[in-house]
Amino acid sequence: MQPTSPFWFSIAAMFFTLVGLIYNYFNNKATNEKSEQAIRLYQGFLEINLKKNRDYAVENLHKTQRSMLFFREKYPNGNINVLKFMEEDNYSMLISNYNKICMLYLDGKLDKKRCEMEYKNEIKHYVEDEFFQKKIFKKNRFTSLHKVYEEWENLEK
């Protein structure tokens, strides 16, 4: 057979196709590893940002509560309705942060084990607390928080 026959062209084409497949396999493997690293990095940034938001909400709540104590000491007969409204708003902001965490948990954007270890006790406290049930959860807008709470509590039972 002559080297220019269609048979040799077919063999050469198969060889280059095989080389291309091997190259793409290793190239895709490296790309997949880099994308997994990027996803883990994103999750880390997301978790840090969520913790900062939660800490900010807790700090605002504590500032409002300290202001209420100071106001009550200084003006025992004064009207603290504005401060009570601010306190309730800060509680709502705090619960909204936990609800956002739960939304991301349900969407699979947070590490499930680490999220459960980090937030389980806090979420359980807020969902079971009488104050929150009366004042905050009466608005029924924190569905993700309740779903995650139910999921974690059903796993325990």
C-alpha atoms as a PDB file:
ATOM      1  CA  MET A   1       0.000   0.000   0.000  1.00  0.00           C
ATOM      2  CA  GLN A   2       1.143   3.448  -0.801  1.00  0.00           C
ATOM      3  CA  PRO A   3       1.509   5.985   2.000  1.00  0.00           C
ATOM      4  CA  THR A   4      -1.030   8.282   0.292  1.00  0.00           C
ATOM      5  CA  SER A   5      -3.818   5.737   0.194  1.00  0.00           C
ATOM      6  CA  PRO A   6      -7.129   6.418   2.042  1.00  0.00           C
ATOM      7  CA  PHE A   7      -6.312   3.667   4.506  1.00  0.00           C
ATOM      8  CA  TRP A   8      -3.231   5.519   5.792  1.00  0.00           C
ATOM      9  CA  PHE A   9      -5.181   8.760   5.988  1.00  0.00           C
ATOM     10  CA  SER A  10      -7.760   6.976   8.122  1.00  0.00           C
ATOM     11  CA  ILE A  11      -5.051   5.537  10.400  1.00  0.00           C
ATOM     12  CA  ALA A  12      -3.425   8.967  10.737  1.00  0.00           C
ATOM     13  CA  ALA A  13      -6.801  10.587  11.473  1.00  0.00           C
ATOM     14  CA  MET A  14      -7.545   7.993  14.156  1.00  0.00           C
ATOM     15  CA  PHE A  15      -4.096   8.540  15.693  1.00  0.00           C
ATOM     16  CA  PHE A  16      -4.546  12.327  15.859  1.00  0.00           C
ATOM     17  CA  THR A  17      -8.070  11.883  17.213  1.00  0.00           C
ATOM     18  CA  LEU A  18      -6.721   9.604  19.947  1.00  0.00           C
ATOM     19  CA  VAL A  19      -3.969  12.102  20.802  1.00  0.00           C
ATOM     20  CA  GLY A  20      -6.595  14.868  20.911  1.00  0.00           C
ATOM     21  CA  LEU A  21      -8.811  12.844  23.233  1.00  0.00           C
ATOM     22  CA  ILE A  22      -5.944  12.149  25.617  1.00  0.00           C
ATOM     23  CA  TYR A  23      -4.939  15.829  25.599  1.00  0.00           C
ATOM     24  CA  ASN A  24      -8.539  16.948  26.255  1.00  0.00           C
ATOM     25  CA  TYR A  25      -8.934  14.427  29.071  1.00  0.00           C
ATOM     26  CA  PHE A  26      -5.959  15.806  30.988  1.00  0.00           C
ATOM     27  CA  ASN A  27      -6.800  19.390  30.110  1.00  0.00           C
ATOM     28  CA  ASN A  28     -10.412  18.955  31.309  1.00  0.00           C
ATOM     29  CA  LYS A  29      -9.219  17.284  34.484  1.00  0.00           C
ATOM     30  CA  ALA A  30      -7.031  20.293  35.321  1.00  0.00           C
ATOM     31  CA  THR A  31      -9.854  22.690  34.436  1.00  0.00           C
ATOM     32  CA  ASN A  32     -12.289  20.776  36.636  1.00  0.00           C
ATOM     33  CA  GLU A  33      -9.874  20.897  39.559  1.00  0.00           C
ATOM     34  CA  LYS A  34      -9.486  24.659  39.115  1.00  0.00           C
ATOM     35  CA  SER A  35     -13.242  25.159  38.964  1.00  0.00           C
ATOM     36  CA  GLU A  36     -13.701  23.082  42.136  1.00  0.00           C
ATOM     37  CA  GLN A  37     -11.119  25.269  43.866  1.00  0.00           C
ATOM     38  CA  ALA A  38     -12.987  28.367  42.678  1.00  0.00           C
ATOM     39  CA  ILE A  39     -16.270  26.981  44.015  1.00  0.00           C
ATOM     40  CA  ARG A  40     -14.702  26.242  47.412  1.00  0.00           C
ATOM     41  CA  LEU A  41     -13.191  29.732  47.465  1.00  0.00           C
ATOM     42  CA  TYR A  42     -16.589  31.238  46.627  1.00  0.00           C
ATOM     43  CA  GLN A  43     -18.229  29.218  49.412  1.00  0.00           C
ATOM     44  CA  GLY A  44     -15.585  30.462  51.842  1.00  0.00           C
ATOM     45  CA  PHE A  45     -16.168  34.098  50.882  1.00  0.00           C
ATOM     46  CA  LEU A  46     -19.913  33.563  51.086  1.00  0.00           C
ATOM     47  CA  GLU A  47     -19.672  32.031  54.572  1.00  0.00           C
ATOM     48  CA  ILE A  48     -17.420  34.860  55.785  1.00  0.00           C
ATOM     49  CA  ASN A  49     -19.844  37.441  54.408  1.00  0.00           C
ATOM     50  CA  LEU A  50     -22.826  35.717  56.027  1.00  0.00           C
ATOM     51  CA  LYS A  51     -21.048  35.642  59.389  1.00  0.00           C
ATOM     52  CA  LYS A  52     -20.205  39.341  59.076  1.00  0.00           C
ATOM     53  CA  ASN A  53     -23.841  40.162  58.313  1.00  0.00           C
ATOM     54  CA  ARG A  54     -25.007  38.078  61.267  1.00  0.00           C
ATOM     55  CA  ASP A  55     -22.463  39.699  63.592  1.00  0.00           C
ATOM     56  CA  TYR A  56     -23.500  43.142  62.366  1.00  0.00           C
ATOM     57  CA  ALA A  57     -27.158  42.360  63.090  1.00  0.00           C
ATOM     58  CA  VAL A  58     -26.292  41.080  66.585  1.00  0.00           C
ATOM     59  CA  GLU A  59     -24.171  44.174  67.253  1.00  0.00           C
ATOM     60  CA  ASN A  60     -27.015  46.491  66.185  1.00  0.00           C
ATOM     61  CA  LEU A  61     -29.425  44.575  68.386  1.00  0.00           C
ATOM     62  CA  HIS A  62     -27.139  44.887  71.402  1.00  0.00           C
ATOM     63  CA  LYS A  63     -26.630  48.610  70.778  1.00  0.00           C
ATOM     64  CA  THR A  64     -30.381  49.132  70.679  1.00  0.00           C
ATOM     65  CA  GLN A  65     -30.864  47.128  73.861  1.00  0.00           C
ATOM     66  CA  ARG A  66     -28.148  49.142  75.622  1.00  0.00           C
ATOM     67  CA  SER A  67     -29.814  52.351  74.439  1.00  0.00           C
ATOM     68  CA  MET A  68     -33.113  51.143  75.865  1.00  0.00           C
ATOM     69  CA  LEU A  69     -31.494  50.427  79.247  1.00  0.00           C
ATOM     70  CA  PHE A  70     -29.790  53.816  79.264  1.00  0.00           C
ATOM     71  CA  PHE A  71     -33.004  55.589  78.274  1.00  0.00           C
ATOM     72  CA  ARG A  72     -34.992  53.778  80.995  1.00  0.00           C
ATOM     73  CA  GLU A  73     -32.432  54.744  83.633  1.00  0.00           C
ATOM     74  CA  LYS A  74     -32.277  58.353  82.545  1.00  0.00           C
ATOM     75  CA  TYR A  75     -36.026  58.775  81.828  1.00  0.00           C
ATOM     76  CA  PRO A  76     -37.967  56.206  83.867  1.00  0.00           C
ATOM     77  CA  ASN A  77     -41.325  57.585  82.689  1.00  0.00           C
ATOM     78  CA  GLY A  78     -40.199  58.223  79.105  1.00  0.00           C
ATOM     79  CA  ASN A  79     -41.729  56.714  76.018  1.00  0.00           C
ATOM     80  CA  ILE A  80     -39.498  54.023  74.541  1.00  0.00           C
ATOM     81  CA  ASN A  81     -41.782  52.959  71.693  1.00  0.00           C
ATOM     82  CA  VAL A  82     -39.264  54.063  69.064  1.00  0.00           C
ATOM     83  CA  LEU A  83     -36.537  51.995  70.711  1.00  0.00           C
ATOM     84  CA  LYS A  84     -38.874  49.016  70.970  1.00  0.00           C
ATOM     85  CA  PHE A  85     -39.635  49.356  67.274  1.00  0.00           C
ATOM     86  CA  MET A  86     -35.888  49.503  66.528  1.00  0.00           C
ATOM     87  CA  GLU A  87     -35.306  46.437  68.678  1.00  0.00           C
ATOM     88  CA  GLU A  88     -37.997  44.470  66.856  1.00  0.00           C
ATOM     89  CA  ASP A  89     -36.575  45.639  63.521  1.00  0.00           C
ATOM     90  CA  ASN A  90     -33.097  44.477  64.582  1.00  0.00           C
ATOM     91  CA  TYR A  91     -34.531  41.096  65.584  1.00  0.00           C
ATOM     92  CA  SER A  92     -36.172  40.865  62.156  1.00  0.00           C
ATOM     93  CA  MET A  93     -32.877  41.725  60.483  1.00  0.00           C
ATOM     94  CA  LEU A  94     -31.121  39.025  62.507  1.00  0.00           C
ATOM     95  CA  ILE A  95     -33.733  36.413  61.612  1.00  0.00           C
ATOM     96  CA  SER A  96     -33.603  37.527  57.976  1.00  0.00           C
ATOM     97  CA  ASN A  97     -29.867  36.806  58.005  1.00  0.00           C
ATOM     98  CA  TYR A  98     -30.516  33.315  59.343  1.00  0.00           C
ATOM     99  CA  ASN A  99     -33.248  32.858  56.734  1.00  0.00           C
ATOM    100  CA  LYS A 100     -30.775  33.818  53.987  1.00  0.00           C
ATOM    101  CA  ILE A 101     -28.283  31.311  55.387  1.00  0.00           C
ATOM    102  CA  CYS A 102     -31.011  28.670  55.270  1.00  0.00           C
ATOM    103  CA  MET A 103     -31.942  29.598  51.705  1.00  0.00           C
ATOM    104  CA  LEU A 104     -28.335  29.133  50.600  1.00  0.00           C
ATOM    105  CA  TYR A 105     -28.163  25.891  52.584  1.00  0.00           C
ATOM    106  CA  LEU A 106     -31.246  24.548  50.823  1.00  0.00           C
ATOM    107  CA  ASP A 107     -29.847  25.621  47.427  1.00  0.00           C
ATOM    108  CA  GLY A 108     -26.645  23.669  48.153  1.00  0.00           C
ATOM    109  CA  LYS A 109     -24.444  26.758  48.056  1.00  0.00           C
ATOM    110  CA  LEU A 110     -23.113  26.184  51.574  1.00  0.00           C
ATOM    111  CA  ASP A 111     -21.313  23.184  52.983  1.00  0.00           C
ATOM    112  CA  LYS A 112     -24.148  21.261  54.655  1.00  0.00           C
ATOM    113  CA  LYS A 113     -22.140  19.705  57.494  1.00  0.00           C
ATOM    114  CA  ARG A 114     -20.335  22.899  58.414  1.00  0.00           C
ATOM    115  CA  CYS A 115     -23.541  24.917  58.177  1.00  0.00           C
ATOM    116  CA  GLU A 116     -25.343  22.525  60.491  1.00  0.00           C
ATOM    117  CA  MET A 117     -22.484  22.570  63.009  1.00  0.00           C
ATOM    118  CA  GLU A 118     -22.276  26.369  62.882  1.00  0.00           C
ATOM    119  CA  TYR A 119     -25.928  27.375  63.008  1.00  0.00           C
ATOM    120  CA  LYS A 120     -28.029  24.482  64.303  1.00  0.00           C
ATOM    121  CA  ASN A 121     -28.215  25.552  67.954  1.00  0.00           C
ATOM    122  CA  GLU A 122     -28.804  29.212  67.116  1.00  0.00           C
ATOM    123  CA  ILE A 123     -31.584  28.436  64.646  1.00  0.00           C
ATOM    124  CA  LYS A 124     -33.182  26.013  67.086  1.00  0.00           C
ATOM    125  CA  HIS A 125     -33.082  28.688  69.802  1.00  0.00           C
ATOM    126  CA  TYR A 126     -34.716  31.325  67.624  1.00  0.00           C
ATOM    127  CA  VAL A 127     -37.417  29.062  66.184  1.00  0.00           C
ATOM    128  CA  GLU A 128     -38.398  27.631  69.571  1.00  0.00           C
ATOM    129  CA  ASP A 129     -38.196  30.920  71.489  1.00  0.00           C
ATOM    130  CA  GLU A 130     -41.584  32.252  72.586  1.00  0.00           C
ATOM    131  CA  PHE A 131     -40.737  35.892  71.830  1.00  0.00           C
ATOM    132  CA  PHE A 132     -39.792  35.098  68.259  1.00  0.00           C
ATOM    133  CA  GLN A 133     -42.866  32.982  67.716  1.00  0.00           C
ATOM    134  CA  LYS A 134     -45.132  35.812  68.852  1.00  0.00           C
ATOM    135  CA  LYS A 135     -43.383  38.861  67.434  1.00  0.00           C
ATOM    136  CA  ILE A 136     -41.215  37.847  64.504  1.00  0.00           C
ATOM    137  CA  PHE A 137     -42.539  34.626  63.039  1.00  0.00           C
ATOM    138  CA  LYS A 138     -46.143  35.798  63.026  1.00  0.00           C
ATOM    139  CA  LYS A 139     -45.378  37.388  59.645  1.00  0.00           C
ATOM    140  CA  ASN A 140     -44.704  33.917  58.189  1.00  0.00           C
ATOM    141  CA  ARG A 141     -42.032  35.075  55.782  1.00  0.00           C
ATOM    142  CA  PHE A 142     -39.124  32.986  57.042  1.00  0.00           C
ATOM    143  CA  THR A 143     -40.041  29.736  55.333  1.00  0.00           C
ATOM    144  CA  SER A 144     -36.471  28.631  54.586  1.00  0.00           C
ATOM    145  CA  LEU A 145     -35.562  28.952  58.248  1.00  0.00           C
ATOM    146  CA  HIS A 146     -38.471  26.722  59.230  1.00  0.00           C
ATOM    147  CA  LYS A 147     -37.672  24.167  56.507  1.00  0.00           C
ATOM    148  CA  VAL A 148     -34.075  23.814  57.667  1.00  0.00           C
ATOM    149  CA  TYR A 149     -35.181  23.639  61.300  1.00  0.00           C
ATOM    150  CA  GLU A 150     -37.640  20.862  60.455  1.00  0.00           C
ATOM    151  CA  GLU A 151     -35.011  19.010  58.414  1.00  0.00           C
ATOM    152  CA  TRP A 152     -32.458  19.102  61.245  1.00  0.00           C
ATOM    153  CA  GLU A 153     -34.978  18.215  63.927  1.00  0.00           C
ATOM    154  CA  ASN A 154     -36.349  15.285  61.897  1.00  0.00           C
ATOM    155  CA  LEU A 155     -32.808  13.958  61.478  1.00  0.00           C
ATOM    156  CA  GLU A 156     -32.386  13.874  65.263  1.00  0.00           C
ATOM    157  CA  LYS A 157     -35.574  11.892  65.818  1.00  0.00           C
END
